[in-house]
Structure formats: C-alpha cells, structure tokens
Amino acid sequence: MAHILIMPRQGNTVESCIITDWKVKEGDAVTEQTVVCEVETDKASFEVLADAAGTVLKLLYESGDDVPVLKPIAVIGAPGEDWQAAISQDSSHRGTEAQRSDMNAGSESRDQVSETTAKIEVTAPTPNSSFLTPHSSFSVSPRAKNMAAREALPLPPSGTGPGGRIIERDILSAMENRPLLTAAAKAKGPGSNPPIGTGLGGRVTVADLAAGPSSVIHSFGEGSITETPIKGIRKIIAERMILSLAQSAQFTLNASAPASKLMNFRSAIKDQSKFAEEFGLSKVTINDLVLFAVSRILPRFPYMNAHKSTDIIKTFEMVHLGHAVDTPKGLMVPVIRNANLLTLAQISSEAKRLAASCQNGTAKADELTGSTFTVTNLGGLGISSFTPVLNTPEVAILGVCNIEMKPVALSTGECNCCSEPHIGFSLTIDHQAVDGAPAARFLKALGEAVAHIDLLLAGA
C-alpha cells in the first residue's frame, strides 16, 4: 500500500512550513532514511525523511509552496501503483469534506481534486476569456492565446503581427521579461507579478501574488520608494512585538556596573590563550561572562525567572536562558537549558553552538522555545541604553549595553574623581508581575556580581 508522506509538525507553535527544495523527483527510488525535501518555518530549516521505502509516485507541492502541517506532500509506493487511489483513501480516512478541500487548496499547484470522487485529476490550465481583456478574440492568435493561458501571463497591449495582432513570439518575449512562477501561482491566473519572488530561485509564489509587488512603485524627484511585503519570520517578529506590548505593562530600568574586572578577565584569557584553551575558555566573550552572571543571580530572585499568563505567575527553579541572536532572517532567541548548572565554558560553548545554528538555519524548534529569562546584547554596536521588548510570557528581559568610561569619586574623601569603565544594563519588566523596587534589587545584585566577576567565578 502506498505511503502518504505528510508535512511534519516542527514544534507546537508551527502551523505551516515552506518547501524550499525537493531532494527527489517523481520516479526516484527512496529508502526510509532518504531526505525527500528541505522545509523552512519562521524560525529554522529542517529535512524531511521519506519514512518508507519505495518509489516516489507523486510530489503534491512545488518548491516555494507554504504547506500546512500534517498535510500530505508526497506519495511513495510500488512502481505503477495508483497514487490517486491512495490520496482518495487517505482523504476518506480523514473523514470530512473540509479536509479534502484543504488538500485541494494545498495541491492546486500540480493537481485538481474532484469533490465528487475525492480523486486528484491532473489537468492543464484551460484558456480563460479574462486573459483576453482588453483585446477581442480576433486580435490574438490561437497559439498565443493558449500559451498565455498556460503561463498565466497577461497579454501585452499590442502585438507584432499584422494590424497589431498578438502572436506567439509576443508571448515568448513577455515571458523572458518576467520571473518564473510556481505552478500554484500560475493556477491563480494572470496578474501583476513581482519582479522577484520569494520562492526557490526567485520564483513568484501564491503568497507573493497575494502580498502584491515588492518592487519600486513610486518615484519622486531623484529618489524612489520601495515597498516590500512583510512575511515569514519578519512578520512573526512584528506580530509578537505588538502582542508583547499589548499584553504587558512594560517598564525599563537603566543601570551600570564597574567593568574593570570583567575586561581584565577577558584580557587574561587572550594573554594566556594556550592555558585558557585547555579549560575551554579561549573563546569566552564579555557577553558569555554576563550570561554566566545572570544564570547565577537569577535563582536568588525567582520572581524574575518567571512567566505570566492571564492571572497566573509561574516561577521556575531552573534557569533556561534565552539569548537574542541576529540572523539574516531576523531576530531569533535560542535557549541555553539549565544554565544555572553549567560552567562558564559550557555556557560559552552552548551559546556559540546555538547562535551558529540560528544563523545557518539549522536550529531545531525545541531549541527556540521554553526560555524563562532573556538576554539581548547591543553593546557591540555602541548602544549605551535601550528599551528591550519582553519575550512574553517572560516577565523580564535584560539588555546589555556598551562599556563606557564614567567618572568615579576617589575613596580618599577628596573632591577628586577618576574615570573607570562601566558596562550598561537596561532591564525591562512586566509591571503586572514585578514591581520596580524588586526589579531594582535584582539589577543591583547583577551589577555587583559583574563588578566582582572573579569572586563569582571562584565560588561557582
């Protein structure tokens, strides 16, 4: 019996995945461990295995299509087996006409699903009279009309045939000047296509058509305006930021801590690189030291290591430390699990591993969820103070700022002062769960820990 390969659910919050690349084609022989395709969520990329041995009978989607989780994406079986019957049986097993219509919507890029038989019939696009507007039928040759229908291409305003008649070479010329479309986009019919799509190889997808053009659309004087659809991870980030601000009473405290010992420890690692390498400390950064300090101070202030949901506040014994990572796709927050039990070297190593997986798109869904407190660092970009937005449902997020020289009064009691390096911190809290004074006490304790990082490390 044919095996129906479905789009796996990559984490509890993932509703759909984009097929970025098929690794097989119809007719290929596969084993259970064959990578069939690569898919992408708003957070990361994954490989999908065949899960059955046999021949690829049918691929139900094109590269670039956005597929709901748990929907069929391919059929694998014995050579010559009826894949349509397998799809029909699977649809019947799922039980409702709504599920069959979902299948129809998802696979419209390659197939048409019959509502009466629940079988998929492969058909080529048929000419549609709307393709001819604003031309009458005699101004377009039959070959040109059929080609435009197959390619979902709007007809040019005039042709190169006798009397301005649109002929086949006019359609071919128009095709050369527009991007490739996925089969699903073609099925939508002619329209205004973006010059570059978001699908594989720049193909225009259905989502691109729905979002509208992403090209330069206006020009004023010597400048221009570009409109780019908000989609993918950028759209998810935007929605989460708005939701975070709407559901919490955010309040930010700013402070700084002496950074001399922090910098001295980092310098010692560089000076003793061979010795530091033996202990796994050679790649430790200032940010790693801050993460370590946070992991050790949070257990003393459990109300900061917490989640708020509706009328419940959950505090956590273990510190699952999220740290913001800038990636080509946007902001991601991988999680260092049980950070309060890890050494400095382990925290440093795990932070780098997670950051690399986010940047190259291989982070797993479970590595991007479940944080209890988040640290975000803009100090390397010269930022002296900012307002981090809560990573809800967490009740606090720490922003790490740059290191600046600040005047400090001498301890001799004289009216003299000197300058010392200080690292800045911006702590945003949800005032619904944490008041200002308790948050300030946490920030003060963190500052003291950073100021005496050598003692904190000695006692770890």
Protein backbone atom coordinates (compact mmCIF):
# COMPACT_ATOMS: atom_id res chain seq x y z
CA MET A 1 0.00 0.00 0.00
CA ALA A 2 1.25 3.46 -0.88
CA HIS A 3 2.69 5.62 1.89
CA ILE A 4 1.36 9.17 2.24
CA LEU A 5 4.16 11.45 3.41
CA ILE A 6 2.82 14.37 5.46
CA MET A 7 4.34 17.69 6.41
CA PRO A 8 5.68 17.06 9.95
CA ARG A 9 4.88 19.42 12.80
CA GLN A 10 8.12 21.19 13.76
CA GLY A 11 7.19 22.34 17.27
CA ASN A 12 3.87 23.02 18.93
CA THR A 13 3.55 26.58 17.61
CA VAL A 14 4.37 25.85 13.95
CA GLU A 15 1.29 25.87 11.70
CA SER A 16 2.90 25.59 8.27
CA CYS A 17 6.25 25.08 6.54
CA ILE A 18 7.63 26.26 3.21
CA ILE A 19 9.17 23.61 0.97
CA THR A 20 12.46 25.21 -0.01
CA ASP A 21 13.92 22.37 -2.06
CA TRP A 22 12.87 18.92 -3.24
CA LYS A 23 15.75 16.45 -2.99
CA VAL A 24 13.96 13.80 -5.07
CA LYS A 25 11.80 13.74 -8.17
CA GLU A 26 8.91 11.59 -9.26
CA GLY A 27 10.11 8.11 -10.18
CA ASP A 28 13.10 8.11 -7.82
CA ALA A 29 13.66 5.11 -5.55
CA VAL A 30 13.96 6.02 -1.87
CA THR A 31 14.59 4.35 1.47
CA GLU A 32 13.17 5.26 4.86
CA GLN A 33 16.18 7.48 5.59
CA THR A 34 16.23 9.30 2.23
CA VAL A 35 15.93 13.06 2.57
CA VAL A 36 12.91 13.93 0.45
CA CYS A 37 12.88 17.70 0.87
CA GLU A 38 14.02 20.64 2.94
CA VAL A 39 11.39 22.78 4.65
CA GLU A 40 11.53 26.06 6.47
CA THR A 41 9.46 27.53 9.27
CA ASP A 42 9.51 31.09 10.56
CA LYS A 43 12.39 30.02 12.82
CA ALA A 44 14.57 27.37 11.19
CA SER A 45 15.10 24.83 8.40
CA PHE A 46 14.60 21.07 8.58
CA GLU A 47 15.00 17.96 6.46
CA VAL A 48 12.03 15.64 5.87
CA LEU A 49 12.74 11.91 5.54
CA ALA A 50 10.76 9.52 3.33
CA ASP A 51 9.80 7.23 6.27
CA ALA A 52 9.10 4.43 3.78
CA ALA A 53 10.97 2.53 1.08
CA GLY A 54 9.67 2.57 -2.47
CA THR A 55 9.28 4.83 -5.47
CA VAL A 56 8.23 8.47 -5.41
CA LEU A 57 4.87 8.27 -7.16
CA LYS A 58 3.79 11.88 -6.78
CA LEU A 59 5.01 15.19 -5.39
CA LEU A 60 1.95 17.17 -4.37
CA TYR A 61 3.59 20.57 -3.99
CA GLU A 62 6.13 22.76 -5.75
CA SER A 63 9.26 24.21 -4.19
CA GLY A 64 8.32 27.51 -2.59
CA ASP A 65 4.81 26.42 -1.56
CA ASP A 66 3.67 27.08 2.01
CA VAL A 67 2.16 23.83 3.29
CA PRO A 68 0.05 23.41 6.45
CA VAL A 69 1.48 20.89 8.90
CA LEU A 70 0.09 17.35 8.82
CA LYS A 71 -0.98 17.72 5.17
CA PRO A 72 0.17 15.19 2.50
CA ILE A 73 3.15 16.38 0.48
CA ALA A 74 4.14 13.24 -1.44
CA VAL A 75 3.10 9.67 -2.21
CA ILE A 76 5.59 6.79 -2.03
CA GLY A 77 4.76 3.26 -3.15
CA ALA A 78 5.42 0.46 -5.62
CA PRO A 79 6.20 1.37 -9.24
CA GLY A 80 2.96 1.80 -11.18
CA GLU A 81 0.78 1.94 -8.06
CA ASP A 82 -2.25 4.23 -8.26
CA TRP A 83 -1.25 7.29 -6.21
CA GLN A 84 -4.65 8.92 -6.82
CA ALA A 85 -6.39 6.00 -5.14
CA ALA A 86 -4.02 6.30 -2.18
CA ILE A 87 -4.83 10.01 -1.85
CA SER A 88 -8.55 9.26 -2.15
CA GLN A 89 -8.38 6.59 0.54
CA ASP A 90 -6.35 8.87 2.81
CA SER A 91 -8.86 11.70 2.34
CA SER A 92 -11.76 9.38 3.17
CA HIS A 93 -9.94 8.19 6.25
CA ARG A 94 -9.53 11.76 7.44
CA GLY A 95 -13.28 11.96 7.37
CA THR A 96 -14.59 15.36 6.29
CA GLU A 97 -15.09 17.27 3.08
CA ALA A 98 -13.32 20.24 4.69
CA GLN A 99 -10.14 18.23 4.98
CA ARG A 100 -10.45 17.16 1.35
CA SER A 101 -10.90 20.78 0.28
CA ASP A 102 -7.78 21.70 2.27
CA MET A 103 -5.94 19.08 0.26
CA ASN A 104 -7.32 20.63 -2.90
CA ALA A 105 -6.16 24.10 -1.88
CA GLY A 106 -2.71 22.86 -0.96
CA SER A 107 -2.09 20.78 -4.08
CA GLU A 108 -3.65 23.11 -6.62
CA SER A 109 -0.17 23.85 -7.85
CA ARG A 110 0.01 20.42 -9.53
CA ASP A 111 -3.41 18.80 -9.41
CA GLN A 112 -7.17 19.32 -9.26
CA VAL A 113 -9.17 17.37 -6.66
CA SER A 114 -12.63 16.15 -7.69
CA GLU A 115 -15.20 16.92 -4.95
CA THR A 116 -17.38 14.02 -6.05
CA THR A 117 -14.75 11.29 -6.15
CA ALA A 118 -12.04 12.81 -3.91
CA LYS A 119 -9.52 11.76 -6.58
CA ILE A 120 -6.90 14.09 -7.97
CA GLU A 121 -7.06 14.65 -11.73
CA VAL A 122 -4.04 16.23 -13.44
CA THR A 123 -5.20 18.88 -15.91
CA ALA A 124 -3.53 21.64 -17.84
CA PRO A 125 -4.83 25.19 -17.45
CA THR A 126 -7.55 25.98 -19.96
CA PRO A 127 -7.89 29.27 -21.77
CA ASN A 128 -9.95 31.80 -19.90
CA SER A 129 -11.72 34.69 -21.57
CA SER A 130 -10.41 37.04 -18.90
CA PHE A 131 -6.96 36.51 -20.34
CA LEU A 132 -8.06 38.41 -23.45
CA THR A 133 -9.04 41.67 -21.82
CA PRO A 134 -8.85 44.33 -23.21
CA HIS A 135 -8.44 42.58 -26.58
CA SER A 136 -11.14 40.93 -28.63
CA SER A 137 -10.66 37.35 -29.81
CA PHE A 138 -9.64 38.25 -33.35
CA SER A 139 -6.65 40.37 -32.13
CA VAL A 140 -4.89 37.35 -30.59
CA SER A 141 -3.72 34.25 -32.44
CA PRO A 142 -4.98 30.92 -31.03
CA ARG A 143 -1.42 29.76 -30.29
CA ALA A 144 -0.68 32.99 -28.40
CA LYS A 145 -3.95 32.77 -26.52
CA ASN A 146 -3.32 29.19 -25.39
CA MET A 147 0.28 29.91 -24.39
CA ALA A 148 -0.79 32.94 -22.33
CA ALA A 149 -3.42 30.79 -20.62
CA ARG A 150 -0.92 28.05 -19.76
CA GLU A 151 1.61 30.53 -18.39
CA ALA A 152 -0.93 32.77 -16.58
CA LEU A 153 0.54 35.69 -18.48
CA PRO A 154 -1.35 38.96 -19.03
CA LEU A 155 -1.48 39.78 -22.73
CA PRO A 156 0.68 42.69 -23.93
CA PRO A 157 -1.15 45.84 -25.09
CA SER A 158 -0.25 45.15 -28.73
CA GLY A 159 1.50 42.58 -30.86
CA THR A 160 3.95 42.41 -33.70
CA GLY A 161 1.59 40.61 -36.08
CA PRO A 162 -0.38 42.22 -38.89
CA GLY A 163 -2.53 45.05 -37.61
CA GLY A 164 -1.03 44.74 -34.12
CA ARG A 165 -2.23 41.16 -33.76
CA ILE A 166 -0.68 39.36 -30.73
CA ILE A 167 1.17 36.28 -31.88
CA GLU A 168 3.25 33.57 -30.24
CA ARG A 169 6.55 35.45 -30.34
CA ASP A 170 4.97 38.32 -28.38
CA ILE A 171 4.08 35.90 -25.58
CA LEU A 172 7.57 34.38 -25.63
CA SER A 173 9.07 37.88 -25.40
CA ALA A 174 6.83 38.74 -22.45
CA MET A 175 7.82 35.52 -20.69
CA GLU A 176 11.51 36.43 -20.94
CA ASN A 177 10.87 39.69 -19.10
CA ARG A 178 9.06 38.29 -16.08
CA PRO A 179 10.15 35.95 -13.24
CA LEU A 180 9.29 32.26 -13.12
CA LEU A 181 6.08 31.31 -11.34
CA THR A 182 5.35 28.26 -9.23
CA ALA A 183 2.59 26.05 -10.57
CA ALA A 184 0.31 27.29 -7.80
CA ALA A 185 0.91 30.91 -8.83
CA LYS A 186 0.15 30.03 -12.46
CA ALA A 187 -3.11 28.45 -11.40
CA LYS A 188 -4.20 31.78 -9.91
CA GLY A 189 -4.33 33.25 -13.41
CA PRO A 190 -2.73 36.39 -14.86
CA GLY A 191 -1.98 39.39 -12.74
CA SER A 192 0.67 41.86 -11.66
CA ASN A 193 3.66 39.72 -10.77
CA PRO A 194 6.53 40.93 -8.56
CA PRO A 195 9.85 41.16 -10.47
CA ILE A 196 11.46 38.80 -7.92
CA GLY A 197 9.60 36.18 -5.91
CA THR A 198 10.38 34.65 -2.55
CA GLY A 199 10.28 31.06 -3.81
CA LEU A 200 13.20 28.89 -4.83
CA GLY A 201 15.32 30.59 -7.47
CA GLY A 202 13.27 33.80 -7.21
CA ARG A 203 10.04 32.11 -8.32
CA VAL A 204 6.84 34.01 -7.63
CA THR A 205 4.61 32.10 -5.20
CA VAL A 206 0.93 32.46 -4.38
CA ALA A 207 1.92 34.39 -1.25
CA ASP A 208 3.86 36.87 -3.39
CA LEU A 209 0.81 37.44 -5.58
CA ALA A 210 -1.38 37.96 -2.52
CA ALA A 211 1.12 40.36 -0.95
CA GLY A 212 1.44 42.41 -4.12
CA PRO A 213 4.54 43.77 -5.82
CA SER A 214 7.79 44.17 -3.90
CA SER A 215 9.40 46.41 -6.47
CA VAL A 216 9.96 50.15 -6.70
CA ILE A 217 6.49 51.55 -7.24
CA HIS A 218 6.88 55.30 -6.94
CA SER A 219 9.46 57.83 -7.92
CA PHE A 220 9.66 61.39 -6.61
CA GLY A 221 12.35 63.63 -7.96
CA GLU A 222 15.69 61.86 -7.80
CA GLY A 223 14.63 59.35 -5.16
CA SER A 224 12.35 56.34 -5.13
CA ILE A 225 10.17 54.37 -2.74
CA THR A 226 10.32 50.60 -2.43
CA GLU A 227 7.50 48.55 -0.94
CA THR A 228 8.42 45.13 0.47
CA PRO A 229 5.78 42.73 1.81
CA ILE A 230 6.17 41.77 5.47
CA LYS A 231 6.26 37.98 5.53
CA GLY A 232 8.00 34.96 7.01
CA ILE A 233 9.99 35.47 10.18
CA ARG A 234 9.81 39.27 9.84
CA LYS A 235 6.02 39.06 10.03
CA ILE A 236 6.16 36.73 13.02
CA ILE A 237 8.55 39.09 14.84
CA ALA A 238 6.26 42.05 14.12
CA GLU A 239 3.20 40.22 15.43
CA ARG A 240 5.00 39.08 18.58
CA MET A 241 6.31 42.55 19.36
CA ILE A 242 2.84 44.08 19.08
CA LEU A 243 1.35 41.25 21.16
CA SER A 244 4.06 41.67 23.78
CA LEU A 245 3.35 45.39 24.17
CA ALA A 246 -0.41 44.86 24.14
CA GLN A 247 -0.44 42.18 26.84
CA SER A 248 2.09 43.55 29.32
CA ALA A 249 2.86 46.73 31.26
CA GLN A 250 6.48 47.20 30.23
CA PHE A 251 8.80 49.29 32.36
CA THR A 252 12.55 49.72 31.85
CA LEU A 253 15.28 50.40 34.44
CA ASN A 254 18.78 51.50 33.43
CA ALA A 255 21.94 50.98 35.45
CA SER A 256 25.64 50.33 35.02
CA ALA A 257 28.31 48.28 36.75
CA PRO A 258 32.11 48.58 37.01
CA ALA A 259 33.64 46.55 34.19
CA SER A 260 37.35 46.62 35.05
CA LYS A 261 37.46 43.04 36.36
CA LEU A 262 35.26 41.88 33.52
CA MET A 263 37.71 43.32 30.99
CA ASN A 264 40.75 42.14 32.92
CA PHE A 265 39.46 38.56 32.94
CA ARG A 266 38.85 38.70 29.19
CA SER A 267 42.34 40.13 28.64
CA ALA A 268 43.89 37.38 30.77
CA ILE A 269 42.20 34.78 28.58
CA LYS A 270 43.74 36.36 25.49
CA ASP A 271 47.17 36.62 27.09
CA GLN A 272 47.08 33.02 28.30
CA SER A 273 45.29 31.59 25.28
CA LYS A 274 47.05 28.21 25.40
CA PHE A 275 46.29 27.75 29.10
CA ALA A 276 42.73 29.01 28.61
CA GLU A 277 42.19 26.59 25.72
CA GLU A 278 42.94 23.64 27.98
CA PHE A 279 39.99 24.67 30.17
CA GLY A 280 37.69 25.51 27.23
CA LEU A 281 37.83 29.23 27.97
CA SER A 282 39.73 30.51 24.93
CA LYS A 283 36.58 31.74 23.16
CA VAL A 284 34.82 33.24 26.17
CA THR A 285 33.44 36.73 25.45
CA ILE A 286 32.19 39.59 27.60
CA ASN A 287 28.65 38.50 26.72
CA ASP A 288 29.37 34.95 27.92
CA LEU A 289 30.52 36.36 31.25
CA VAL A 290 27.29 38.35 31.55
CA LEU A 291 25.23 35.25 30.72
CA PHE A 292 27.11 33.35 33.41
CA ALA A 293 26.47 36.10 35.95
CA VAL A 294 22.76 36.20 35.09
CA SER A 295 22.49 32.41 35.46
CA ARG A 296 23.95 32.60 38.97
CA ILE A 297 21.98 35.63 40.20
CA LEU A 298 18.52 34.66 38.90
CA PRO A 299 17.95 31.77 41.36
CA ARG A 300 18.24 34.31 44.19
CA PHE A 301 15.37 36.30 42.63
CA PRO A 302 12.85 33.67 41.46
CA TYR A 303 10.21 36.30 40.68
CA MET A 304 12.46 37.41 37.81
CA ASN A 305 12.78 33.89 36.42
CA ALA A 306 9.09 33.59 35.71
CA HIS A 307 6.23 33.58 33.21
CA LYS A 308 2.94 35.46 33.43
CA SER A 309 -0.17 34.10 31.74
CA THR A 310 -3.56 35.66 32.44
CA ASP A 311 -3.89 35.55 36.25
CA ILE A 312 -1.09 33.06 36.92
CA ILE A 313 2.60 33.67 37.56
CA LYS A 314 4.85 30.63 37.16
CA THR A 315 8.30 30.74 38.75
CA PHE A 316 11.00 28.31 37.70
CA GLU A 317 13.69 26.61 39.70
CA MET A 318 15.90 26.08 36.67
CA VAL A 319 17.21 28.92 34.51
CA HIS A 320 16.51 28.39 30.83
CA LEU A 321 18.39 31.35 29.44
CA GLY A 322 17.30 32.81 26.11
CA HIS A 323 19.83 34.95 24.27
CA ALA A 324 18.89 37.06 21.26
CA VAL A 325 20.75 36.28 18.01
CA ASP A 326 20.81 38.50 14.93
CA THR A 327 20.38 36.37 11.79
CA PRO A 328 19.84 37.09 8.08
CA LYS A 329 16.17 36.17 8.59
CA GLY A 330 15.68 38.32 11.67
CA LEU A 331 15.85 38.04 15.44
CA MET A 332 15.94 34.55 16.96
CA VAL A 333 16.13 33.57 20.63
CA PRO A 334 17.73 30.14 21.20
CA VAL A 335 17.67 28.76 24.74
CA ILE A 336 20.54 27.58 26.96
CA ARG A 337 18.86 24.90 29.07
CA ASN A 338 19.64 24.64 32.79
CA ALA A 339 22.14 27.47 32.53
CA ASN A 340 22.41 27.74 36.32
CA LEU A 341 24.03 24.28 36.37
CA LEU A 342 26.53 24.94 33.58
CA THR A 343 30.10 26.18 33.92
CA LEU A 344 31.31 29.32 32.16
CA ALA A 345 32.98 27.19 29.48
CA GLN A 346 29.76 25.22 28.92
CA ILE A 347 27.63 28.35 28.70
CA SER A 348 30.07 29.90 26.23
CA SER A 349 30.17 26.76 24.08
CA GLU A 350 26.40 26.30 24.06
CA ALA A 351 25.73 29.97 23.28
CA LYS A 352 28.02 29.79 20.25
CA ARG A 353 26.58 26.49 19.05
CA LEU A 354 23.03 27.80 19.24
CA ALA A 355 23.92 31.12 17.59
CA ALA A 356 25.62 29.32 14.70
CA SER A 357 22.64 27.02 14.17
CA CYS A 358 20.31 30.04 14.06
CA GLN A 359 22.49 31.86 11.57
CA ASN A 360 22.82 28.90 9.22
CA GLY A 361 19.17 27.89 9.54
CA THR A 362 19.63 24.51 11.25
CA ALA A 363 18.27 25.35 14.70
CA LYS A 364 15.65 22.91 15.97
CA ALA A 365 12.24 24.10 17.05
CA ASP A 366 12.78 22.87 20.61
CA GLU A 367 15.97 24.96 20.84
CA LEU A 368 13.96 28.11 20.21
CA THR A 369 11.27 27.73 22.85
CA GLY A 370 10.95 27.44 26.62
CA SER A 371 13.16 30.27 27.86
CA THR A 372 12.44 31.67 31.32
CA PHE A 373 14.59 34.82 31.04
CA THR A 374 16.18 36.51 28.03
CA VAL A 375 19.38 38.50 27.49
CA THR A 376 19.84 40.70 24.43
CA ASN A 377 23.14 42.46 23.72
CA LEU A 378 23.55 45.61 21.63
CA GLY A 379 26.73 46.73 23.34
CA GLY A 380 28.89 45.63 20.45
CA LEU A 381 27.07 48.16 18.26
CA GLY A 382 27.88 51.04 20.60
CA ILE A 383 24.43 51.32 22.21
CA SER A 384 24.61 52.92 25.66
CA SER A 385 20.93 52.47 26.60
CA PHE A 386 17.80 50.97 25.02
CA THR A 387 14.40 49.51 25.83
CA PRO A 388 14.26 45.74 25.23
CA VAL A 389 10.80 44.36 24.43
CA LEU A 390 9.66 41.46 26.61
CA ASN A 391 9.87 37.97 25.19
CA THR A 392 6.43 37.09 26.55
CA PRO A 393 5.29 35.26 28.60
CA GLU A 394 8.57 36.02 30.41
CA VAL A 395 8.32 38.82 32.97
CA ALA A 396 11.78 40.30 32.37
CA ILE A 397 14.45 40.79 29.72
CA LEU A 398 17.95 42.17 30.20
CA GLY A 399 19.55 44.45 27.64
CA VAL A 400 23.36 44.57 27.68
CA CYS A 401 24.85 47.88 26.56
CA ASN A 402 28.35 49.02 25.67
CA ILE A 403 31.25 49.67 28.03
CA GLU A 404 31.89 53.37 28.63
CA MET A 405 34.23 55.40 30.79
CA LYS A 406 32.40 57.03 33.71
CA PRO A 407 33.65 59.35 36.45
CA VAL A 408 34.04 57.73 39.87
CA ALA A 409 34.75 59.59 43.13
CA LEU A 410 38.01 58.68 44.82
CA SER A 411 37.68 56.84 48.14
CA THR A 412 40.02 59.26 49.92
CA GLY A 413 37.21 61.67 50.61
CA GLU A 414 38.75 64.33 48.42
CA CYS A 415 36.73 66.16 45.80
CA ASN A 416 38.64 64.40 43.08
CA CYS A 417 37.44 61.71 40.75
CA CYS A 418 38.76 59.36 38.13
CA SER A 419 37.28 57.53 35.15
CA GLU A 420 36.58 53.81 35.14
CA PRO A 421 34.93 51.55 32.55
CA HIS A 422 31.29 50.67 33.24
CA ILE A 423 29.00 48.28 31.39
CA GLY A 424 25.40 49.39 30.94
CA PHE A 425 22.28 47.35 31.59
CA SER A 426 18.68 48.02 30.51
CA LEU A 427 16.18 45.80 32.31
CA THR A 428 12.59 45.67 31.06
CA ILE A 429 9.98 44.10 33.34
CA ASP A 430 6.28 43.41 33.18
CA HIS A 431 4.94 45.68 35.90
CA GLN A 432 1.91 43.42 36.21
CA ALA A 433 4.17 40.72 37.67
CA VAL A 434 7.18 42.57 39.08
CA ASP A 435 7.36 45.93 40.84
CA GLY A 436 10.11 48.44 40.32
CA ALA A 437 11.90 48.00 43.66
CA PRO A 438 12.25 44.19 43.45
CA ALA A 439 13.48 44.55 39.88
CA ALA A 440 15.98 47.18 41.00
CA ARG A 441 17.29 44.84 43.69
CA PHE A 442 17.91 42.16 41.08
CA LEU A 443 19.67 44.65 38.82
CA LYS A 444 21.82 45.86 41.72
CA ALA A 445 22.81 42.30 42.63
CA LEU A 446 23.67 41.57 38.98
CA GLY A 447 25.82 44.70 38.82
CA GLU A 448 27.72 43.64 41.94
CA ALA A 449 28.26 40.16 40.51
CA VAL A 450 29.65 41.62 37.28
CA ALA A 451 31.81 44.10 39.18
CA HIS A 452 33.33 41.17 41.10
CA ILE A 453 33.19 38.55 38.37
CA ASP A 454 36.44 36.99 39.65
CA LEU A 455 34.82 36.18 43.01
CA LEU A 456 31.66 34.90 41.31
CA LEU A 457 33.74 32.54 39.19
CA ALA A 458 35.74 31.41 42.19
CA GLY A 459 32.60 30.50 44.08
CA ALA A 460 30.93 28.71 41.15
